[in-house]
Amino acid sequence: MKVTVDREGCIGCGVCADICPEVFHIADDGLSEVIAKPDGNEEKVEEAAGSCPVEVIHTE
Protein backbone atom coordinates (compact mmCIF):
# COMPACT_ATOMS: atom_id res chain seq x y z
CA MET A 1 0.00 0.00 0.00
CA LYS A 2 1.14 3.51 -0.80
CA VAL A 3 -0.16 6.41 1.29
CA THR A 4 0.12 10.13 0.63
CA VAL A 5 -1.20 13.32 2.21
CA ASP A 6 -2.19 16.31 0.10
CA ARG A 7 -0.60 18.82 2.46
CA GLU A 8 -2.04 21.82 0.61
CA GLY A 9 -5.51 20.76 1.66
CA CYS A 10 -4.58 19.55 5.15
CA ILE A 11 -6.06 21.51 8.06
CA GLY A 12 -3.84 19.90 10.70
CA CYS A 13 -6.65 18.47 12.80
CA GLY A 14 -4.43 15.55 13.85
CA VAL A 15 -7.00 12.77 13.58
CA CYS A 16 -4.70 10.72 11.32
CA ALA A 17 -1.81 10.92 13.79
CA ASP A 18 -4.17 10.01 16.64
CA ILE A 19 -5.46 6.94 14.79
CA CYS A 20 -2.16 5.77 13.29
CA PRO A 21 0.92 7.44 14.82
CA GLU A 22 3.08 4.73 13.28
CA VAL A 23 2.48 6.26 9.83
CA PHE A 24 1.30 9.86 10.35
CA HIS A 25 2.83 12.78 12.23
CA ILE A 26 1.91 16.44 12.60
CA ALA A 27 4.98 18.33 11.37
CA ASP A 28 6.38 21.56 12.77
CA ASP A 29 4.29 23.52 10.25
CA GLY A 30 1.10 22.04 11.77
CA LEU A 31 0.27 19.80 8.81
CA SER A 32 0.16 16.03 8.54
CA GLU A 33 2.95 14.09 6.90
CA VAL A 34 3.65 10.44 6.23
CA ILE A 35 6.63 9.28 8.29
CA ALA A 36 6.69 5.54 7.52
CA LYS A 37 5.36 2.90 5.17
CA PRO A 38 2.07 1.46 6.37
CA ASP A 39 3.47 -2.10 6.57
CA GLY A 40 1.23 -3.94 9.02
CA ASN A 41 -0.90 -0.86 9.69
CA GLU A 42 -3.05 -0.87 6.56
CA GLU A 43 -6.33 -1.12 8.45
CA LYS A 44 -5.45 1.85 10.67
CA VAL A 45 -4.30 3.85 7.62
CA GLU A 46 -7.65 3.19 5.92
CA GLU A 47 -9.44 4.26 9.11
CA ALA A 48 -7.38 7.46 9.22
CA ALA A 49 -8.12 8.18 5.56
CA GLY A 50 -11.84 7.65 6.14
CA SER A 51 -11.79 9.87 9.23
CA CYS A 52 -9.99 12.80 7.60
CA PRO A 53 -12.50 15.68 7.55
CA VAL A 54 -10.97 17.20 4.40
CA GLU A 55 -10.26 13.88 2.64
CA VAL A 56 -6.58 14.59 1.86
CA ILE A 57 -5.21 11.13 2.72
CA HIS A 58 -4.91 8.94 -0.35
CA THR A 59 -4.10 5.22 -0.52
CA GLU A 60 -3.20 3.00 -3.44
PDB file of N, CA and C in Angstrom:
ATOM      1  N   MET A   1       0.844  -1.186   0.000  1.00  0.00           N
ATOM      2  CA  MET A   1       0.000   0.000   0.000  1.00  0.00           C
ATOM      3  C   MET A   1       0.884   1.242   0.000  1.00  0.00           C
ATOM      4  N   LYS A   2       0.478   2.223  -0.795  1.00  0.00           N
ATOM      5  CA  LYS A   2       1.144   3.510  -0.804  1.00  0.00           C
ATOM      6  C   LYS A   2       0.181   4.523  -0.204  1.00  0.00           C
ATOM      7  N   VAL A   3       0.683   5.396   0.659  1.00  0.00           N
ATOM      8  CA  VAL A   3      -0.156   6.410   1.292  1.00  0.00           C
ATOM      9  C   VAL A   3       0.489   7.776   1.115  1.00  0.00           C
ATOM     10  N   THR A   4      -0.353   8.759   0.776  1.00  0.00           N
ATOM     11  CA  THR A   4       0.116  10.134   0.635  1.00  0.00           C
ATOM     12  C   THR A   4      -0.873  11.084   1.307  1.00  0.00           C
ATOM     13  N   VAL A   5      -0.371  12.263   1.649  1.00  0.00           N
ATOM     14  CA  VAL A   5      -1.204  13.317   2.209  1.00  0.00           C
ATOM     15  C   VAL A   5      -1.064  14.540   1.313  1.00  0.00           C
ATOM     16  N   ASP A   6      -2.186  15.065   0.861  1.00  0.00           N
ATOM     17  CA  ASP A   6      -2.193  16.310   0.100  1.00  0.00           C
ATOM     18  C   ASP A   6      -2.077  17.439   1.118  1.00  0.00           C
ATOM     19  N   ARG A   7      -0.853  17.850   1.399  1.00  0.00           N
ATOM     20  CA  ARG A   7      -0.596  18.816   2.462  1.00  0.00           C
ATOM     21  C   ARG A   7      -1.214  20.180   2.184  1.00  0.00           C
ATOM     22  N   GLU A   8      -1.429  20.523   0.918  1.00  0.00           N
ATOM     23  CA  GLU A   8      -2.035  21.823   0.607  1.00  0.00           C
ATOM     24  C   GLU A   8      -3.474  21.904   1.101  1.00  0.00           C
ATOM     25  N   GLY A   9      -4.135  20.768   1.190  1.00  0.00           N
ATOM     26  CA  GLY A   9      -5.515  20.756   1.657  1.00  0.00           C
ATOM     27  C   GLY A   9      -5.659  20.394   3.125  1.00  0.00           C
ATOM     28  N   CYS A  10      -4.558  19.983   3.744  1.00  0.00           N
ATOM     29  CA  CYS A  10      -4.580  19.552   5.149  1.00  0.00           C
ATOM     30  C   CYS A  10      -4.888  20.736   6.066  1.00  0.00           C
ATOM     31  N   ILE A  11      -5.737  20.476   7.078  1.00  0.00           N
ATOM     32  CA  ILE A  11      -6.062  21.514   8.060  1.00  0.00           C
ATOM     33  C   ILE A  11      -5.377  21.255   9.401  1.00  0.00           C
ATOM     34  N   GLY A  12      -4.606  20.176   9.489  1.00  0.00           N
ATOM     35  CA  GLY A  12      -3.841  19.896  10.703  1.00  0.00           C
ATOM     36  C   GLY A  12      -4.664  19.495  11.903  1.00  0.00           C
ATOM     37  N   CYS A  13      -5.793  18.851  11.676  1.00  0.00           N
ATOM     38  CA  CYS A  13      -6.653  18.467  12.800  1.00  0.00           C
ATOM     39  C   CYS A  13      -6.029  17.385  13.676  1.00  0.00           C
ATOM     40  N   GLY A  14      -5.151  16.555  13.079  1.00  0.00           N
ATOM     41  CA  GLY A  14      -4.427  15.546  13.848  1.00  0.00           C
ATOM     42  C   GLY A  14      -5.115  14.207  14.001  1.00  0.00           C
ATOM     43  N   VAL A  15      -6.287  14.033  13.415  1.00  0.00           N
ATOM     44  CA  VAL A  15      -7.002  12.766  13.582  1.00  0.00           C
ATOM     45  C   VAL A  15      -6.193  11.595  13.021  1.00  0.00           C
ATOM     46  N   CYS A  16      -5.491  11.803  11.912  1.00  0.00           N
ATOM     47  CA  CYS A  16      -4.703  10.720  11.317  1.00  0.00           C
ATOM     48  C   CYS A  16      -3.589  10.275  12.261  1.00  0.00           C
ATOM     49  N   ALA A  17      -2.899  11.238  12.863  1.00  0.00           N
ATOM     50  CA  ALA A  17      -1.815  10.919  13.792  1.00  0.00           C
ATOM     51  C   ALA A  17      -2.346  10.268  15.070  1.00  0.00           C
ATOM     52  N   ASP A  18      -3.551  10.643  15.471  1.00  0.00           N
ATOM     53  CA  ASP A  18      -4.171  10.009  16.640  1.00  0.00           C
ATOM     54  C   ASP A  18      -4.519   8.551  16.348  1.00  0.00           C
ATOM     55  N   ILE A  19      -5.043   8.295  15.162  1.00  0.00           N
ATOM     56  CA  ILE A  19      -5.460   6.939  14.790  1.00  0.00           C
ATOM     57  C   ILE A  19      -4.269   6.050  14.465  1.00  0.00           C
ATOM     58  N   CYS A  20      -3.287   6.584  13.753  1.00  0.00           N
ATOM     59  CA  CYS A  20      -2.164   5.771  13.292  1.00  0.00           C
ATOM     60  C   CYS A  20      -0.837   6.537  13.400  1.00  0.00           C
ATOM     61  N   PRO A  21      -0.336   6.707  14.628  1.00  0.00           N
ATOM     62  CA  PRO A  21       0.920   7.444  14.818  1.00  0.00           C
ATOM     63  C   PRO A  21       2.138   6.733  14.237  1.00  0.00           C
ATOM     64  N   GLU A  22       1.986   5.467  13.897  1.00  0.00           N
ATOM     65  CA  GLU A  22       3.085   4.729  13.280  1.00  0.00           C
ATOM     66  C   GLU A  22       3.369   5.227  11.863  1.00  0.00           C
ATOM     67  N   VAL A  23       2.368   5.832  11.227  1.00  0.00           N
ATOM     68  CA  VAL A  23       2.481   6.256   9.834  1.00  0.00           C
ATOM     69  C   VAL A  23       2.365   7.771   9.671  1.00  0.00           C
ATOM     70  N   PHE A  24       1.546   8.424  10.492  1.00  0.00           N
ATOM     71  CA  PHE A  24       1.301   9.864  10.346  1.00  0.00           C
ATOM     72  C   PHE A  24       1.860  10.653  11.517  1.00  0.00           C
ATOM     73  N   HIS A  25       2.250  11.883  11.224  1.00  0.00           N
ATOM     74  CA  HIS A  25       2.828  12.776  12.225  1.00  0.00           C
ATOM     75  C   HIS A  25       2.408  14.199  11.859  1.00  0.00           C
ATOM     76  N   ILE A  26       2.172  15.028  12.853  1.00  0.00           N
ATOM     77  CA  ILE A  26       1.913  16.441  12.599  1.00  0.00           C
ATOM     78  C   ILE A  26       3.267  17.145  12.648  1.00  0.00           C
ATOM     79  N   ALA A  27       3.670  17.688  11.508  1.00  0.00           N
ATOM     80  CA  ALA A  27       4.978  18.328  11.367  1.00  0.00           C
ATOM     81  C   ALA A  27       5.017  19.677  12.079  1.00  0.00           C
ATOM     82  N   ASP A  28       6.196  20.263  12.116  1.00  0.00           N
ATOM     83  CA  ASP A  28       6.376  21.560  12.773  1.00  0.00           C
ATOM     84  C   ASP A  28       5.512  22.661  12.164  1.00  0.00           C
ATOM     85  N   ASP A  29       5.143  22.512  10.888  1.00  0.00           N
ATOM     86  CA  ASP A  29       4.292  23.520  10.255  1.00  0.00           C
ATOM     87  C   ASP A  29       2.801  23.305  10.544  1.00  0.00           C
ATOM     88  N   GLY A  30       2.487  22.284  11.365  1.00  0.00           N
ATOM     89  CA  GLY A  30       1.103  22.041  11.770  1.00  0.00           C
ATOM     90  C   GLY A  30       0.310  21.167  10.832  1.00  0.00           C
ATOM     91  N   LEU A  31       0.960  20.633   9.788  1.00  0.00           N
ATOM     92  CA  LEU A  31       0.268  19.797   8.812  1.00  0.00           C
ATOM     93  C   LEU A  31       0.722  18.352   8.918  1.00  0.00           C
ATOM     94  N   SER A  32      -0.142  17.459   8.501  1.00  0.00           N
ATOM     95  CA  SER A  32       0.157  16.030   8.542  1.00  0.00           C
ATOM     96  C   SER A  32       1.201  15.657   7.503  1.00  0.00           C
ATOM     97  N   GLU A  33       2.005  14.655   7.856  1.00  0.00           N
ATOM     98  CA  GLU A  33       2.945  14.092   6.904  1.00  0.00           C
ATOM     99  C   GLU A  33       3.064  12.597   7.164  1.00  0.00           C
ATOM    100  N   VAL A  34       3.427  11.873   6.127  1.00  0.00           N
ATOM    101  CA  VAL A  34       3.646  10.437   6.233  1.00  0.00           C
ATOM    102  C   VAL A  34       5.090  10.233   6.687  1.00  0.00           C
ATOM    103  N   ILE A  35       5.278   9.474   7.762  1.00  0.00           N
ATOM    104  CA  ILE A  35       6.625   9.280   8.294  1.00  0.00           C
ATOM    105  C   ILE A  35       7.139   7.856   8.116  1.00  0.00           C
ATOM    106  N   ALA A  36       6.274   6.936   7.690  1.00  0.00           N
ATOM    107  CA  ALA A  36       6.689   5.543   7.520  1.00  0.00           C
ATOM    108  C   ALA A  36       5.744   4.832   6.569  1.00  0.00           C
ATOM    109  N   LYS A  37       6.224   3.743   5.999  1.00  0.00           N
ATOM    110  CA  LYS A  37       5.362   2.905   5.174  1.00  0.00           C
ATOM    111  C   LYS A  37       4.318   2.258   6.075  1.00  0.00           C
ATOM    112  N   PRO A  38       3.138   2.001   5.540  1.00  0.00           N
ATOM    113  CA  PRO A  38       2.067   1.459   6.371  1.00  0.00           C
ATOM    114  C   PRO A  38       2.171  -0.036   6.672  1.00  0.00           C
ATOM    115  N   ASP A  39       3.296  -0.660   6.384  1.00  0.00           N
ATOM    116  CA  ASP A  39       3.467  -2.096   6.571  1.00  0.00           C
ATOM    117  C   ASP A  39       2.894  -2.576   7.906  1.00  0.00           C
ATOM    118  N   GLY A  40       1.861  -3.398   7.825  1.00  0.00           N
ATOM    119  CA  GLY A  40       1.225  -3.942   9.017  1.00  0.00           C
ATOM    120  C   GLY A  40       0.181  -3.033   9.636  1.00  0.00           C
ATOM    121  N   ASN A  41       0.060  -1.823   9.141  1.00  0.00           N
ATOM    122  CA  ASN A  41      -0.904  -0.862   9.688  1.00  0.00           C
ATOM    123  C   ASN A  41      -1.954  -0.438   8.671  1.00  0.00           C
ATOM    124  N   GLU A  42      -2.146  -1.248   7.641  1.00  0.00           N
ATOM    125  CA  GLU A  42      -3.051  -0.872   6.557  1.00  0.00           C
ATOM    126  C   GLU A  42      -4.472  -0.567   7.034  1.00  0.00           C
ATOM    127  N   GLU A  43      -4.969  -1.342   7.959  1.00  0.00           N
ATOM    128  CA  GLU A  43      -6.332  -1.121   8.451  1.00  0.00           C
ATOM    129  C   GLU A  43      -6.441   0.231   9.160  1.00  0.00           C
ATOM    130  N   LYS A  44      -5.452   0.558   9.965  1.00  0.00           N
ATOM    131  CA  LYS A  44      -5.448   1.851  10.666  1.00  0.00           C
ATOM    132  C   LYS A  44      -5.271   3.007   9.691  1.00  0.00           C
ATOM    133  N   VAL A  45      -4.475   2.816   8.641  1.00  0.00           N
ATOM    134  CA  VAL A  45      -4.296   3.852   7.621  1.00  0.00           C
ATOM    135  C   VAL A  45      -5.623   4.106   6.903  1.00  0.00           C
ATOM    136  N   GLU A  46      -6.339   3.038   6.567  1.00  0.00           N
ATOM    137  CA  GLU A  46      -7.650   3.191   5.920  1.00  0.00           C
ATOM    138  C   GLU A  46      -8.631   3.902   6.847  1.00  0.00           C
ATOM    139  N   GLU A  47      -8.572   3.589   8.136  1.00  0.00           N
ATOM    140  CA  GLU A  47      -9.442   4.263   9.109  1.00  0.00           C
ATOM    141  C   GLU A  47      -9.099   5.751   9.175  1.00  0.00           C
ATOM    142  N   ALA A  48      -7.806   6.064   9.189  1.00  0.00           N
ATOM    143  CA  ALA A  48      -7.375   7.460   9.220  1.00  0.00           C
ATOM    144  C   ALA A  48      -7.845   8.196   7.971  1.00  0.00           C
ATOM    145  N   ALA A  49      -7.689   7.563   6.818  1.00  0.00           N
ATOM    146  CA  ALA A  49      -8.120   8.181   5.562  1.00  0.00           C
ATOM    147  C   ALA A  49      -9.623   8.445   5.577  1.00  0.00           C
ATOM    148  N   GLY A  50     -10.392   7.495   6.078  1.00  0.00           N
ATOM    149  CA  GLY A  50     -11.840   7.652   6.143  1.00  0.00           C
ATOM    150  C   GLY A  50     -12.290   8.663   7.181  1.00  0.00           C
ATOM    151  N   SER A  51     -11.446   8.933   8.159  1.00  0.00           N
ATOM    152  CA  SER A  51     -11.787   9.868   9.228  1.00  0.00           C
ATOM    153  C   SER A  51     -11.332  11.293   8.946  1.00  0.00           C
ATOM    154  N   CYS A  52     -10.509  11.475   7.935  1.00  0.00           N
ATOM    155  CA  CYS A  52      -9.988  12.805   7.603  1.00  0.00           C
ATOM    156  C   CYS A  52     -11.140  13.713   7.171  1.00  0.00           C
ATOM    157  N   PRO A  53     -11.353  14.822   7.880  1.00  0.00           N
ATOM    158  CA  PRO A  53     -12.498  15.678   7.545  1.00  0.00           C
ATOM    159  C   PRO A  53     -12.373  16.401   6.203  1.00  0.00           C
ATOM    160  N   VAL A  54     -11.152  16.519   5.689  1.00  0.00           N
ATOM    161  CA  VAL A  54     -10.971  17.201   4.401  1.00  0.00           C
ATOM    162  C   VAL A  54     -10.521  16.245   3.303  1.00  0.00           C
ATOM    163  N   GLU A  55     -10.509  14.953   3.598  1.00  0.00           N
ATOM    164  CA  GLU A  55     -10.258  13.878   2.639  1.00  0.00           C
ATOM    165  C   GLU A  55      -8.971  14.081   1.832  1.00  0.00           C
ATOM    166  N   VAL A  56      -7.858  14.365   2.548  1.00  0.00           N
ATOM    167  CA  VAL A  56      -6.576  14.585   1.857  1.00  0.00           C
ATOM    168  C   VAL A  56      -5.611  13.405   1.981  1.00  0.00           C
ATOM    169  N   ILE A  57      -6.040  12.331   2.618  1.00  0.00           N
ATOM    170  CA  ILE A  57      -5.209  11.133   2.717  1.00  0.00           C
ATOM    171  C   ILE A  57      -5.622  10.188   1.607  1.00  0.00           C
ATOM    172  N   HIS A  58      -4.644   9.798   0.794  1.00  0.00           N
ATOM    173  CA  HIS A  58      -4.914   8.939  -0.351  1.00  0.00           C
ATOM    174  C   HIS A  58      -4.111   7.648  -0.236  1.00  0.00           C
ATOM    175  N   THR A  59      -4.764   6.531  -0.547  1.00  0.00           N
ATOM    176  CA  THR A  59      -4.096   5.224  -0.520  1.00  0.00           C
ATOM    177  C   THR A  59      -4.216   4.560  -1.878  1.00  0.00           C
ATOM    178  N   GLU A  60      -3.212   3.769  -2.190  1.00  0.00           N
ATOM    179  CA  GLU A  60      -3.199   3.003  -3.442  1.00  0.00           C
ATOM    180  C   GLU A  60      -2.859   1.573  -3.111  1.00  0.00           C
TER     181      GLU A  60
END
